[in-house]
Protein backbone atom coordinates (compact mmCIF):
# COMPACT_ATOMS: atom_id res chain seq x y z
CA MET A 1 -29.58 154.85 44.97
CA ALA A 2 -29.71 151.16 45.77
CA ALA A 3 -30.20 151.98 49.45
CA LEU A 4 -33.11 154.28 48.64
CA ILE A 5 -34.96 151.84 46.41
CA MET A 6 -34.25 149.03 48.89
CA MET A 7 -35.82 150.93 51.80
CA GLN A 8 -38.93 151.91 49.89
CA GLY A 9 -39.33 148.35 48.59
CA HIS A 10 -39.06 146.79 52.05
CA THR A 11 -41.38 149.36 53.63
CA PHE A 12 -44.11 148.80 51.05
CA HIS A 13 -43.63 145.03 51.31
CA SER A 14 -44.06 145.07 55.07
CA PHE A 15 -46.79 147.66 55.59
CA ALA A 16 -48.98 147.91 52.47
CA ARG A 17 -52.47 146.45 52.83
CA THR A 18 -52.95 143.09 51.12
CA ASP A 19 -55.78 144.40 48.94
CA LEU A 20 -53.41 146.97 47.43
CA ARG A 21 -50.75 144.51 46.36
CA ASP A 22 -52.03 144.07 42.83
CA LYS A 23 -52.24 147.83 42.23
CA GLY A 24 -49.81 150.09 40.42
CA PRO A 25 -47.93 151.76 43.32
CA TYR A 26 -47.14 148.49 45.08
CA VAL A 27 -46.17 146.67 41.86
CA ILE A 28 -43.85 149.51 40.81
CA SER A 29 -42.37 149.65 44.31
CA GLN A 30 -41.55 145.94 44.30
CA PHE A 31 -40.22 146.01 40.75
CA LEU A 32 -37.78 148.76 41.70
CA GLY A 33 -37.02 147.07 45.03
CA GLY A 34 -36.07 143.92 43.16
CA LEU A 35 -33.21 145.82 41.54
CA ALA A 36 -31.55 146.67 44.86
CA PRO A 37 -30.08 143.19 45.61
CA ALA A 38 -28.72 142.95 42.07
CA ILE A 39 -27.11 146.40 42.40
CA PHE A 40 -25.54 145.55 45.76
CA LEU A 41 -24.12 142.30 44.37
CA PHE A 42 -22.85 144.14 41.30
CA LEU A 43 -21.15 146.80 43.45
CA THR A 44 -19.63 144.17 45.73
CA GLY A 45 -18.15 142.53 42.65
CA ILE A 46 -16.74 145.89 41.54
CA THR A 47 -15.04 146.47 44.89
CA MET A 48 -13.68 142.91 44.83
CA ALA A 49 -12.23 143.60 41.37
CA PHE A 50 -10.59 146.76 42.74
CA ARG A 51 -9.06 144.69 45.54
CA MET A 52 -7.74 142.07 43.12
CA ASP A 53 -6.27 144.73 40.86
CA SER A 54 -4.61 146.51 43.79
CA ASP A 55 -3.11 143.24 45.03
CA GLU A 56 -1.77 142.56 41.54
CA ARG A 57 -0.21 146.05 41.31
CA ARG A 58 1.41 145.53 44.71
CA GLY A 59 3.16 142.47 43.32
CA LEU A 60 1.48 139.86 45.52
CA ALA A 61 1.86 136.25 44.47
CA PRO A 62 -1.24 134.54 42.98
CA GLY A 63 -1.78 132.50 46.15
CA ALA A 64 -1.63 135.61 48.31
CA ARG A 65 -4.13 137.36 46.04
CA ILE A 66 -6.56 134.47 46.41
CA LEU A 67 -6.18 134.55 50.20
CA SER A 68 -6.83 138.29 50.15
CA ALA A 69 -10.08 137.74 48.23
CA LEU A 70 -11.05 134.89 50.57
CA SER A 71 -10.53 137.15 53.59
CA ARG A 72 -13.12 139.55 52.15
CA ALA A 73 -15.54 136.65 51.60
CA ARG A 74 -14.94 135.49 55.17
CA TYR A 75 -15.76 138.98 56.47
CA LEU A 76 -19.04 138.98 54.51
CA LEU A 77 -19.95 135.54 55.87
CA VAL A 78 -19.30 136.59 59.47
CA ILE A 79 -21.41 139.71 58.99
CA ALA A 80 -24.17 137.59 57.42
CA PHE A 81 -24.40 135.28 60.45
CA LEU A 82 -24.16 138.14 62.93
CA PHE A 83 -27.02 139.85 61.08
CA ARG A 84 -29.22 136.74 61.26
CA LEU A 85 -28.26 136.20 64.91
CA GLN A 86 -29.35 139.71 65.83
CA LEU A 87 -32.68 139.29 64.00
CA TRP A 88 -33.32 136.00 65.81
CA VAL A 89 -32.47 137.42 69.26
CA PHE A 90 -34.73 140.42 68.72
CA SER A 91 -37.59 138.14 67.58
CA LEU A 92 -37.53 135.82 70.60
CA PRO A 93 -39.53 133.77 71.50
CA TRP A 94 -41.43 133.52 68.20
CA ASN A 95 -38.77 132.41 65.72
CA PRO A 96 -36.74 129.17 65.99
CA PRO A 97 -32.93 129.21 65.83
CA SER A 98 -33.13 127.80 62.29
CA VAL A 99 -33.88 131.31 60.98
CA MET A 100 -30.18 132.07 61.49
CA LEU A 101 -29.44 129.73 58.56
CA LYS A 102 -31.56 131.64 56.05
CA VAL A 103 -29.61 132.38 52.88
CA ASP A 104 -29.81 136.16 52.60
CA ILE A 105 -28.02 138.54 50.25
CA LEU A 106 -24.95 138.77 52.51
CA ASN A 107 -24.64 134.97 52.41
CA CYS A 108 -24.82 135.07 48.63
CA MET A 109 -22.10 137.74 48.54
CA ALA A 110 -19.88 135.59 50.75
CA LEU A 111 -20.37 132.43 48.68
CA ALA A 112 -19.83 134.28 45.40
CA GLY A 113 -16.73 135.99 46.79
CA ALA A 114 -15.27 132.68 47.96
CA ALA A 115 -16.11 130.82 44.74
CA LEU A 116 -14.75 133.61 42.53
CA SER A 117 -11.61 134.26 44.60
CA VAL A 118 -9.72 132.17 42.04
CA MET A 119 -10.19 135.05 39.58
CA ALA A 120 -7.46 136.84 41.52
CA VAL A 121 -4.80 134.74 39.80
CA PHE A 122 -5.58 136.36 36.45
CA ARG A 123 -4.44 139.74 35.24
CA THR A 124 -7.06 142.49 35.23
CA ALA A 125 -7.66 142.42 31.46
CA GLU A 126 -8.03 138.64 31.49
CA ARG A 127 -10.36 138.86 34.48
CA ALA A 128 -12.66 141.29 32.66
CA ARG A 129 -13.10 138.88 29.76
CA LEU A 130 -13.37 135.70 31.83
CA CYS A 131 -15.90 137.14 34.26
CA THR A 132 -18.10 138.40 31.43
CA VAL A 133 -18.28 134.89 30.03
CA LEU A 134 -18.68 133.33 33.47
CA GLY A 135 -21.53 135.68 34.38
CA LEU A 136 -23.35 134.69 31.19
CA ALA A 137 -22.70 131.02 31.98
CA ILE A 138 -24.20 131.32 35.49
CA ALA A 139 -27.28 133.07 34.12
CA ALA A 140 -27.67 130.52 31.32
CA ALA A 141 -27.25 127.54 33.69
CA SER A 142 -29.81 128.73 36.25
CA PRO A 143 -32.89 127.08 34.64
CA LEU A 144 -30.92 123.84 34.30
CA ILE A 145 -29.89 123.96 37.97
CA SER A 146 -33.57 124.34 38.91
CA GLN A 147 -34.42 121.14 37.05
CA LEU A 148 -31.88 118.98 38.87
CA ASP A 149 -33.08 116.48 41.46
CA TRP A 150 -32.25 118.06 44.82
CA SER A 151 -34.15 115.53 46.96
CA GLY A 152 -31.00 113.86 48.32
CA VAL A 153 -29.14 117.10 49.00
CA PRO A 154 -29.20 118.78 52.44
CA THR A 155 -31.71 121.61 52.45
CA LEU A 156 -29.13 124.21 53.45
CA VAL A 157 -26.87 123.29 50.52
CA LYS A 158 -29.82 123.46 48.14
CA ASN A 159 -30.80 126.88 49.48
CA TYR A 160 -27.31 128.21 48.80
CA ILE A 161 -27.15 126.88 45.23
CA ALA A 162 -30.52 126.24 43.57
CA PRO A 163 -32.85 129.08 42.48
CA ASP A 164 -35.59 129.74 45.03
CA TYR A 165 -38.00 132.63 45.50
CA MET A 166 -37.29 132.66 49.25
CA PHE A 167 -33.49 132.79 49.16
CA PHE A 168 -30.57 134.55 47.45
CA SER A 169 -29.05 131.44 45.91
CA PHE A 170 -25.83 131.28 43.90
CA PHE A 171 -27.87 130.64 40.74
CA PRO A 172 -28.77 133.12 39.35
CA TRP A 173 -27.88 135.89 41.84
CA ALA A 174 -24.11 135.36 41.75
CA ALA A 175 -24.18 136.36 38.07
CA PHE A 176 -24.52 140.00 39.17
CA PHE A 177 -21.45 139.64 41.41
CA VAL A 178 -19.46 138.20 38.51
CA PHE A 179 -20.60 140.93 36.13
CA GLY A 180 -19.47 143.39 38.81
CA LEU A 181 -16.03 141.74 38.79
CA ALA A 182 -15.90 142.29 35.03
CA ALA A 183 -17.08 145.91 35.30
CA GLY A 184 -14.64 146.72 38.11
CA SER A 185 -11.79 145.28 36.07
CA VAL A 186 -12.77 147.41 33.07
CA ILE A 187 -12.91 150.53 35.25
CA ARG A 188 -9.38 149.83 36.49
CA LEU A 189 -8.12 149.44 32.92
CA VAL A 190 -9.40 152.73 31.49
CA LYS A 191 -7.90 156.15 32.07
CA ASP A 192 -9.84 158.86 33.82
CA ASP A 193 -10.28 160.94 30.68
CA GLU A 194 -11.76 157.89 28.95
CA MET A 195 -14.52 157.34 31.49
CA ASP A 196 -17.06 159.53 29.68
CA ARG A 197 -16.78 157.37 26.57
CA VAL A 198 -16.93 154.17 28.64
CA MET A 199 -20.15 155.35 30.27
CA GLN A 200 -21.66 156.10 26.87
CA TRP A 201 -20.92 152.55 25.80
CA ALA A 202 -22.37 151.25 29.07
CA ALA A 203 -25.65 153.05 28.37
CA LEU A 204 -25.79 151.72 24.80
CA PHE A 205 -24.93 148.20 25.93
CA GLY A 206 -27.54 148.41 28.69
CA ALA A 207 -30.20 149.45 26.17
CA GLY A 208 -29.24 146.49 24.00
CA LEU A 209 -29.58 144.09 26.94
CA LEU A 210 -33.00 145.50 27.81
CA ILE A 211 -34.32 145.24 24.27
CA GLY A 212 -32.73 141.85 23.64
CA GLY A 213 -33.83 140.40 26.97
CA ARG A 214 -37.40 141.58 26.43
CA TYR A 215 -37.47 140.16 22.91
CA PHE A 216 -36.14 136.71 23.80
CA SER A 217 -38.28 136.43 26.94
CA GLU A 218 -41.45 136.84 24.84
CA LEU A 219 -40.61 134.28 22.17
CA PRO A 220 -43.15 131.42 22.04
CA TYR A 221 -40.36 128.84 22.25
CA SER A 222 -37.34 128.40 24.50
CA LEU A 223 -34.08 126.50 24.77
CA TYR A 224 -35.21 125.32 28.20
CA THR A 225 -37.93 122.79 28.92
CA LYS A 226 -38.91 124.86 31.95
CA SER A 227 -37.92 128.36 33.01
CA GLU A 228 -39.63 130.93 35.25
CA PHE A 229 -38.92 134.54 34.34
CA TRP A 230 -38.76 135.96 37.87
CA LEU A 231 -36.90 132.97 39.31
CA ASN A 232 -34.19 131.72 36.96
CA SER A 233 -34.58 133.26 33.52
CA PRO A 234 -31.32 134.41 31.86
CA ALA A 235 -33.37 137.13 30.13
CA GLN A 236 -34.40 138.55 33.49
CA VAL A 237 -30.78 138.61 34.69
CA LEU A 238 -29.61 140.39 31.54
CA MET A 239 -32.49 142.89 31.69
CA LYS A 240 -31.59 143.79 35.27
CA LEU A 241 -27.98 144.14 34.20
CA GLY A 242 -29.17 146.41 31.40
CA VAL A 243 -31.01 148.62 33.90
CA MET A 244 -27.87 148.84 36.04
CA LEU A 245 -25.78 149.79 33.02
CA TRP A 246 -28.28 152.58 32.41
CA ILE A 247 -28.14 153.76 36.01
CA LEU A 248 -24.34 153.70 36.08
CA PRO A 249 -23.79 156.54 33.54
CA PHE A 250 -26.38 158.74 35.24
CA ALA A 251 -24.69 158.15 38.60
CA PHE A 252 -21.32 158.93 37.02
CA ILE A 253 -22.58 162.18 35.46
CA TRP A 254 -24.26 163.22 38.71
CA THR A 255 -21.25 162.60 40.94
CA ARG A 256 -18.67 164.03 38.54
CA TYR A 257 -20.45 167.08 37.14
CA ALA A 258 -23.39 167.92 39.43
CA ALA A 259 -22.81 166.88 43.04
CA ASN A 260 -19.03 166.73 43.26
CA THR A 261 -18.59 169.89 45.29
CA GLY A 262 -20.91 169.41 48.24
CA TRP A 263 -22.64 166.99 50.54
CA SER A 264 -25.07 164.52 48.96
CA PRO A 265 -27.66 162.53 50.93
CA VAL A 266 -27.52 159.75 48.34
CA SER A 267 -23.75 159.47 48.62
CA GLN A 268 -24.05 159.67 52.39
CA LEU A 269 -26.34 156.64 52.48
CA GLY A 270 -23.95 154.81 50.16
CA THR A 271 -20.98 155.24 52.49
CA THR A 272 -22.84 153.42 55.28
CA SER A 273 -25.01 151.06 53.23
CA LEU A 274 -24.34 148.02 55.44
CA LEU A 275 -25.42 149.88 58.59
CA VAL A 276 -28.47 151.27 56.81
CA TYR A 277 -29.40 147.80 55.55
CA TRP A 278 -28.96 146.21 58.96
CA VAL A 279 -30.91 148.75 61.02
CA HIS A 280 -33.77 149.43 58.62
CA ILE A 281 -34.49 145.69 58.30
CA GLU A 282 -35.05 145.51 62.06
CA ILE A 283 -37.29 148.59 62.00
CA VAL A 284 -39.34 147.51 58.99
CA TYR A 285 -39.65 143.78 59.65
CA GLY A 286 -39.14 143.65 63.42
CA ARG A 287 -41.79 143.83 66.11
CA TRP A 288 -41.51 147.59 66.64
CA LEU A 289 -44.34 148.62 64.32
CA GLY A 290 -46.29 145.38 64.43
CA SER A 291 -49.75 146.94 64.54
CA TRP A 292 -49.08 148.71 61.22
CA LYS A 293 -47.94 145.62 59.32
CA GLU A 294 -50.02 145.04 56.16
CA ASN A 295 -52.43 147.70 57.44
CA LEU A 296 -51.52 150.98 55.71
CA ASP A 297 -52.71 152.56 52.48
CA ASN A 298 -50.31 153.83 49.82
CA THR A 299 -50.16 157.39 51.15
CA GLN A 300 -49.44 156.20 54.68
CA VAL A 301 -46.75 153.80 53.46
CA ALA A 302 -45.16 156.58 51.41
CA MET A 303 -45.05 158.81 54.50
CA LEU A 304 -43.57 155.99 56.57
CA THR A 305 -41.00 155.35 53.83
CA ALA A 306 -39.92 159.00 53.96
CA LEU A 307 -39.60 158.73 57.75
CA VAL A 308 -37.51 155.54 57.55
CA ILE A 309 -35.21 157.13 54.97
CA ALA A 310 -34.83 160.26 57.09
CA LEU A 311 -33.99 158.20 60.18
CA MET A 312 -31.43 156.12 58.27
CA LEU A 313 -29.88 159.27 56.83
CA ALA A 314 -29.54 160.72 60.33
CA LEU A 315 -27.99 157.47 61.54
CA SER A 316 -25.59 157.51 58.58
CA VAL A 317 -24.47 161.07 59.34
CA LEU A 318 -24.01 160.15 63.01
CA LYS A 319 -21.89 157.15 62.01
CA THR A 320 -19.56 159.09 59.71
CA SER A 321 -19.32 162.01 62.16
CA ALA A 322 -18.35 159.63 64.96
CA LYS A 323 -15.73 158.05 62.72
CA LYS A 324 -14.21 161.43 61.88
CA TRP A 325 -14.29 162.42 65.56
CA SER A 326 -12.47 159.27 66.66
CA ALA A 327 -9.83 159.73 63.94
CA MET A 328 -9.13 163.32 64.96
CA PRO A 329 -6.16 163.97 67.27
CA ALA A 330 -7.32 164.39 70.88
CA ALA A 331 -5.88 167.91 71.10
CA LEU A 332 -8.11 169.07 68.22
CA ARG A 333 -11.42 167.45 69.19
CA TRP A 334 -12.41 170.23 71.54
CA TYR A 335 -10.42 172.99 69.85
CA PRO A 336 -13.36 175.37 69.15
CA PHE A 337 -14.40 175.20 72.79
CA THR A 338 -10.93 175.39 74.33
CA SER A 339 -9.92 178.30 72.08
CA ARG A 340 -13.10 180.16 73.01
CA ALA A 341 -12.40 179.59 76.71
CA ASN A 342 -8.87 180.94 76.32
């Protein structure tokens, strides 16, 4: 689902005419698209929690568990720089090499993974509690981090840490990663027959976050001398978390009771989300469709969005099919053809 809303958000952002950007379809598209990075960070935190729990069950020492988490963060950082390198090479000669240092969502994942690797020393139950508190602390500190004097700090360091509309900085975006660590730890603690009840509580808790975040964001006074809702507001972080906790039960119900017996295009995109993210960014923001940039009406953008999604789905199927083919024993790869010939 995150992949779908990400692709539609990027396509509208790149191709919608400028005079349509204050209208309903574009605003709704970008609101939904803004959820995608938070969902991806949340899911990355969940998978990191699974890794930490598995390492604990295997009996690894605390130091080894931290190194295991750091290895995952290192992988994300390498992928982040390879992604930016590819975008720069494909944009030559217009963009300077400095674009490779842009702090994108993969960079934020890597920094959050490295900073939170210390959570691996705790037991899963302790990690769930600590990460819940830590996520709230990161969200609450974000307006304060914005107000610090960053004039003497290298720009790259500032971009990684301080809230900025142009970058995925640690504050407040890492809060979603930390909440994912807490959620993943909870999932590992409950039994399978308890998951239905857990998802009910997730939906109720998500509704509470939405209502509470909306209420506190509209109060005429604030604990902060300066806070921007869409940049560093704790209320905005908690409201997005509330939306995710609403989506989670629906996704659980769908995968367990509705689409658990056959192929699902949504699940298919999810299994190759990194590839889909990487390739669609080049298609949507690269030079390939330059004459259409900021030049299409809503209907045309919607049709282009459907085409991009269809292409990425085909690429995803090709990727997983190739992986299955390579994993198959050589004697069986051509079995239907060899048996027919015999």
